[in-house]
Amino acid sequence: MKGHKSHNKRILILGIGNLLLGDEGAGVHAIRYMNEHPFPGNVRLLDGGTGGFNLLAYLQEYDPVILIDATSDNDPPGTLHIIKPRFSSDFPRTLGAHDIGLKDLIESAVLLDSLPEIFLITVSIRIPHEPGMELSPTLRKTLPEIENKVREIIGRYP
């Protein structure tokens, strides 16, 4: 079809986090926000919840994978970083119950020789944070910026 851009790569956007812990659920909230906007047909948005081995099949099926997760670092809440981890040790310290699960997931993909190219978008949050199902106003404001970063990455894969 003339003028139609072909998308060959199957891209996964995977939001990780616990919705019951407020800002710790930033990755899942980002997926919900982006679900309201159209993406190319080769892109899948997935709520990965608190992670774990059930996500391994997705790492084998998609390449690249864009992970979105909250992190506890010394940056102000709402600060975004994009890193390209290759091993579980390359991941920054994450939070809560999914920390070990995400690292184990990456190590398993490495052992199976099926680790895709990964982009990790981290969202800095404050610890301790308020429990609840809503993002703080500061993190809510980052959702369009997260989407812009995701679209920049997707744009690298025509």
Protein backbone atom coordinates (compact mmCIF):
# COMPACT_ATOMS: atom_id res chain seq x y z
CA MET A 1 0.00 0.00 0.00
CA LYS A 2 1.54 3.30 -1.09
CA GLY A 3 2.53 5.62 1.74
CA HIS A 4 1.85 2.94 4.37
CA LYS A 5 4.75 2.42 6.76
CA SER A 6 5.44 -1.25 7.36
CA HIS A 7 6.05 -2.32 10.96
CA ASN A 8 7.92 -5.62 11.08
CA LYS A 9 9.17 -5.75 14.67
CA ARG A 10 6.79 -7.00 17.34
CA ILE A 11 7.22 -4.58 20.23
CA LEU A 12 6.01 -5.11 23.78
CA ILE A 13 5.40 -2.27 26.21
CA LEU A 14 5.27 -3.86 29.65
CA GLY A 15 4.21 -1.92 32.74
CA ILE A 16 5.28 -3.40 36.08
CA GLY A 17 4.02 -2.40 39.51
CA ASN A 18 1.60 -2.94 42.35
CA LEU A 19 -1.56 -0.87 41.94
CA LEU A 20 -2.35 -1.16 45.65
CA LEU A 21 0.78 0.77 46.61
CA GLY A 22 0.13 4.15 45.00
CA ASP A 23 3.11 5.44 43.04
CA GLU A 24 4.74 1.99 43.08
CA GLY A 25 2.13 1.10 40.44
CA ALA A 26 3.44 3.73 38.01
CA GLY A 27 4.25 1.19 35.28
CA VAL A 28 0.74 -0.24 35.29
CA HIS A 29 -0.81 3.25 35.38
CA ALA A 30 1.34 4.18 32.36
CA ILE A 31 -0.04 1.20 30.42
CA ARG A 32 -3.60 2.17 31.31
CA TYR A 33 -2.93 5.74 30.20
CA MET A 34 -1.39 4.64 26.88
CA ASN A 35 -4.25 2.22 26.22
CA GLU A 36 -6.36 5.34 25.62
CA HIS A 37 -4.20 6.27 22.60
CA PRO A 38 -3.67 4.43 19.31
CA PHE A 39 -0.43 2.57 18.70
CA PRO A 40 0.74 0.73 15.56
CA GLY A 41 -0.56 -2.80 15.11
CA ASN A 42 2.83 -4.35 15.88
CA VAL A 43 2.85 -2.86 19.40
CA ARG A 44 1.28 -4.60 22.38
CA LEU A 45 0.66 -2.86 25.69
CA LEU A 46 0.62 -5.23 28.67
CA ASP A 47 -0.13 -4.75 32.35
CA GLY A 48 2.56 -6.97 33.89
CA GLY A 49 1.34 -6.44 37.45
CA THR A 50 4.01 -7.47 39.93
CA GLY A 51 5.98 -9.41 37.32
CA GLY A 52 7.17 -12.96 37.73
CA PHE A 53 7.86 -15.98 35.58
CA ASN A 54 4.49 -15.78 33.86
CA LEU A 55 5.99 -12.94 31.78
CA LEU A 56 8.86 -15.06 30.41
CA ALA A 57 6.88 -16.11 27.34
CA TYR A 58 6.44 -12.45 26.40
CA LEU A 59 10.20 -11.89 26.54
CA GLN A 60 10.57 -14.78 24.11
CA GLU A 61 7.83 -13.51 21.79
CA TYR A 62 8.65 -9.80 21.49
CA ASP A 63 11.80 -7.89 20.58
CA PRO A 64 12.30 -5.17 21.69
CA VAL A 65 10.59 -4.95 25.07
CA ILE A 66 10.01 -1.60 26.76
CA LEU A 67 9.64 -2.03 30.53
CA ILE A 68 8.16 0.72 32.69
CA ASP A 69 8.72 0.48 36.43
CA ALA A 70 8.98 2.64 39.54
CA THR A 71 12.34 2.89 41.26
CA SER A 72 13.60 4.15 44.57
CA ASP A 73 16.59 6.37 43.90
CA ASN A 74 17.76 9.77 45.05
CA ASP A 75 16.10 11.65 42.19
CA PRO A 76 13.00 13.79 42.74
CA PRO A 77 9.68 11.94 42.33
CA GLY A 78 8.61 11.81 38.71
CA THR A 79 12.16 11.80 37.29
CA LEU A 80 12.37 9.50 34.26
CA HIS A 81 15.41 7.58 33.07
CA ILE A 82 15.85 5.24 30.12
CA ILE A 83 18.46 2.52 30.45
CA LYS A 84 19.29 -0.50 28.32
CA PRO A 85 19.99 -3.33 30.77
CA ARG A 86 21.52 -6.53 29.44
CA PHE A 87 21.69 -8.51 32.68
CA SER A 88 19.65 -8.53 35.86
CA SER A 89 22.54 -6.79 37.63
CA ASP A 90 22.12 -3.84 35.25
CA PHE A 91 18.67 -3.11 36.64
CA PRO A 92 18.39 -0.38 39.26
CA ARG A 93 16.97 -1.17 42.66
CA THR A 94 13.25 -1.57 42.29
CA LEU A 95 10.55 -1.86 44.86
CA GLY A 96 8.33 -4.20 46.74
CA ALA A 97 7.36 -7.75 46.00
CA HIS A 98 8.21 -7.69 42.30
CA ASP A 99 11.91 -6.84 42.72
CA ILE A 100 13.15 -10.43 42.89
CA GLY A 101 10.63 -11.62 40.32
CA LEU A 102 11.78 -9.14 37.65
CA LYS A 103 15.46 -9.94 38.16
CA ASP A 104 14.73 -13.67 38.11
CA LEU A 105 12.71 -13.19 34.95
CA ILE A 106 15.61 -11.47 33.19
CA GLU A 107 18.10 -14.11 34.38
CA SER A 108 15.80 -16.86 33.10
CA ALA A 109 15.59 -15.21 29.69
CA VAL A 110 19.40 -14.96 29.63
CA LEU A 111 19.75 -18.66 30.52
CA LEU A 112 17.30 -19.58 27.76
CA ASP A 113 19.22 -17.37 25.34
CA SER A 114 16.00 -15.50 24.62
CA LEU A 115 16.64 -12.09 26.14
CA PRO A 116 15.27 -9.45 23.77
CA GLU A 117 16.59 -5.94 23.44
CA ILE A 118 15.22 -4.20 26.54
CA PHE A 119 14.61 -0.56 27.26
CA LEU A 120 13.77 0.20 30.87
CA ILE A 121 11.97 3.43 31.66
CA THR A 122 12.27 4.08 35.38
CA VAL A 123 10.06 6.50 37.28
CA SER A 124 11.54 7.81 40.52
CA ILE A 125 9.24 7.65 43.52
CA ARG A 126 9.51 8.63 47.15
CA ILE A 127 9.79 6.04 49.90
CA PRO A 128 7.77 5.63 52.01
CA HIS A 129 4.79 6.29 49.82
CA GLU A 130 1.11 6.38 50.51
CA PRO A 131 -0.80 3.16 49.84
CA GLY A 132 -3.81 3.45 47.59
CA MET A 133 -4.89 2.88 44.02
CA GLU A 134 -4.14 6.36 42.69
CA LEU A 135 -0.92 7.98 41.55
CA SER A 136 0.26 11.12 43.28
CA PRO A 137 -0.34 14.34 41.29
CA THR A 138 3.42 14.51 40.58
CA LEU A 139 3.50 11.06 38.98
CA ARG A 140 0.20 11.56 37.19
CA LYS A 141 1.84 14.48 35.37
CA THR A 142 4.61 12.17 34.08
CA LEU A 143 2.24 9.87 32.14
CA PRO A 144 2.32 11.92 28.89
CA GLU A 145 6.11 12.16 29.16
CA ILE A 146 6.37 8.38 29.61
CA GLU A 147 4.22 7.91 26.52
CA ASN A 148 6.45 10.30 24.56
CA LYS A 149 9.56 8.33 25.56
CA VAL A 150 7.86 5.06 24.57
CA ARG A 151 6.94 6.52 21.16
CA GLU A 152 10.52 7.75 20.66
CA ILE A 153 11.81 4.23 21.24
CA ILE A 154 9.17 2.68 18.97
CA GLY A 155 10.15 5.19 16.27
CA ARG A 156 13.59 3.54 16.08
CA TYR A 157 11.96 0.40 14.66
CA PRO A 158 10.34 1.13 11.29
